[in-house]
Amino acid sequence: MSVKIIASKPISEIKKGDKIKVDKRILEVDAHFVLMEHKDSKGKNVNEMAIEVFDAKKDEDFQIRYFEENLEDRIEFFELQGGFMYTPVDIEKIEW
């Protein structure tokens, strides 16, 4: 499933306190960091990034994950379950 991305600035510039709209829900950014470093098929380092966001009204936490060099094809959304486990959630649109 492809996620429609509407960006007002490069994703790398998203910081704590920014707002991100996922489908119809507005979430606040808590952190933006390198989740894991990978090597691609050519041995080049590729960072998997994570943006932690939350819904203060519903006390729910989420994570947006993407690869720096392949945002359009690999952006994923996860919901925090049970305090430490992230479960994938299908979304249609994300904007910032």
Protein backbone atom coordinates (compact mmCIF):
# COMPACT_ATOMS: atom_id res chain seq x y z
CA MET A 1 0.00 0.00 0.00
CA SER A 2 1.39 3.38 -1.00
CA VAL A 3 1.21 6.27 1.45
CA LYS A 4 0.48 9.75 0.08
CA ILE A 5 3.07 12.20 1.46
CA ILE A 6 2.43 15.95 1.64
CA ALA A 7 5.58 17.73 2.85
CA SER A 8 5.92 21.41 3.70
CA LYS A 9 9.66 20.92 4.38
CA PRO A 10 12.23 18.11 4.10
CA ILE A 11 11.53 15.27 6.52
CA SER A 12 15.04 15.69 7.94
CA GLU A 13 13.98 19.09 9.35
CA ILE A 14 11.13 17.69 11.46
CA LYS A 15 11.84 18.33 15.15
CA LYS A 16 10.34 17.99 18.61
CA GLY A 17 7.12 20.00 18.95
CA ASP A 18 6.24 19.90 15.24
CA LYS A 19 2.81 18.61 14.22
CA ILE A 20 2.29 15.72 11.81
CA LYS A 21 -1.11 14.82 10.41
CA VAL A 22 -1.65 11.10 9.85
CA ASP A 23 -4.89 10.53 7.99
CA LYS A 24 -7.25 12.76 10.07
CA ARG A 25 -5.30 12.63 13.34
CA ILE A 26 -2.91 15.43 14.38
CA LEU A 27 0.10 14.16 16.32
CA GLU A 28 2.97 15.97 18.03
CA VAL A 29 6.62 15.05 17.46
CA ASP A 30 8.49 13.92 20.56
CA ALA A 31 11.80 12.81 18.96
CA HIS A 32 13.48 12.26 15.58
CA PHE A 33 16.51 9.97 15.47
CA VAL A 34 18.48 7.24 13.69
CA LEU A 35 16.80 3.96 14.59
CA MET A 36 19.32 1.67 12.92
CA GLU A 37 22.14 1.82 10.40
CA HIS A 38 22.00 -0.65 7.50
CA LYS A 39 24.24 -1.44 4.56
CA ASP A 40 22.69 -1.51 1.12
CA SER A 41 23.61 -4.01 -1.60
CA LYS A 42 26.62 -1.86 -2.56
CA GLY A 43 27.93 -1.62 1.00
CA LYS A 44 26.80 1.98 1.46
CA ASN A 45 25.49 3.00 4.91
CA VAL A 46 21.77 3.76 4.90
CA ASN A 47 20.01 5.09 7.99
CA GLU A 48 16.62 3.85 9.07
CA MET A 49 15.04 6.83 10.81
CA ALA A 50 12.29 7.04 13.43
CA ILE A 51 10.01 9.89 14.40
CA GLU A 52 8.23 9.34 17.68
CA VAL A 53 4.85 11.08 17.82
CA PHE A 54 1.99 11.14 20.29
CA ASP A 55 -1.67 12.02 20.63
CA ALA A 56 -1.91 13.93 23.92
CA LYS A 57 -5.73 13.84 23.94
CA LYS A 58 -5.90 10.05 23.74
CA ASP A 59 -2.57 9.33 25.49
CA GLU A 60 -1.36 7.19 22.56
CA ASP A 61 2.16 6.87 21.16
CA PHE A 62 3.23 6.09 17.61
CA GLN A 63 6.36 5.85 15.50
CA ILE A 64 6.97 6.80 11.89
CA ARG A 65 9.85 4.90 10.29
CA TYR A 66 11.55 5.61 6.99
CA PHE A 67 14.83 5.21 5.15
CA GLU A 68 16.62 8.48 4.44
CA GLU A 69 17.22 7.71 0.79
CA ASN A 70 13.91 6.04 -0.04
CA LEU A 71 11.19 7.96 1.75
CA GLU A 72 8.37 7.50 -0.76
CA ASP A 73 8.64 3.72 -0.91
CA ARG A 74 9.45 2.92 2.69
CA ILE A 75 7.55 5.14 5.10
CA GLU A 76 5.72 3.10 7.75
CA PHE A 77 3.50 3.93 10.74
CA PHE A 78 3.42 1.97 14.00
CA GLU A 79 1.36 2.15 17.19
CA LEU A 80 2.96 1.50 20.57
CA GLN A 81 1.29 -1.47 22.26
CA GLY A 82 1.93 -2.60 25.83
CA GLY A 83 4.69 -0.10 26.54
CA PHE A 84 7.46 -1.58 24.39
CA MET A 85 6.10 -3.23 21.23
CA TYR A 86 5.24 -1.37 18.02
CA THR A 87 2.50 -2.77 15.77
CA PRO A 88 2.21 -1.69 12.11
CA VAL A 89 -0.85 0.38 11.16
CA ASP A 90 -2.04 0.96 7.59
CA ILE A 91 -2.40 4.63 6.73
CA GLU A 92 -3.36 6.47 3.57
CA LYS A 93 -1.83 9.94 4.02
CA ILE A 94 0.80 11.70 6.08
CA GLU A 95 1.59 15.41 6.03
CA TRP A 96 3.80 17.89 7.80
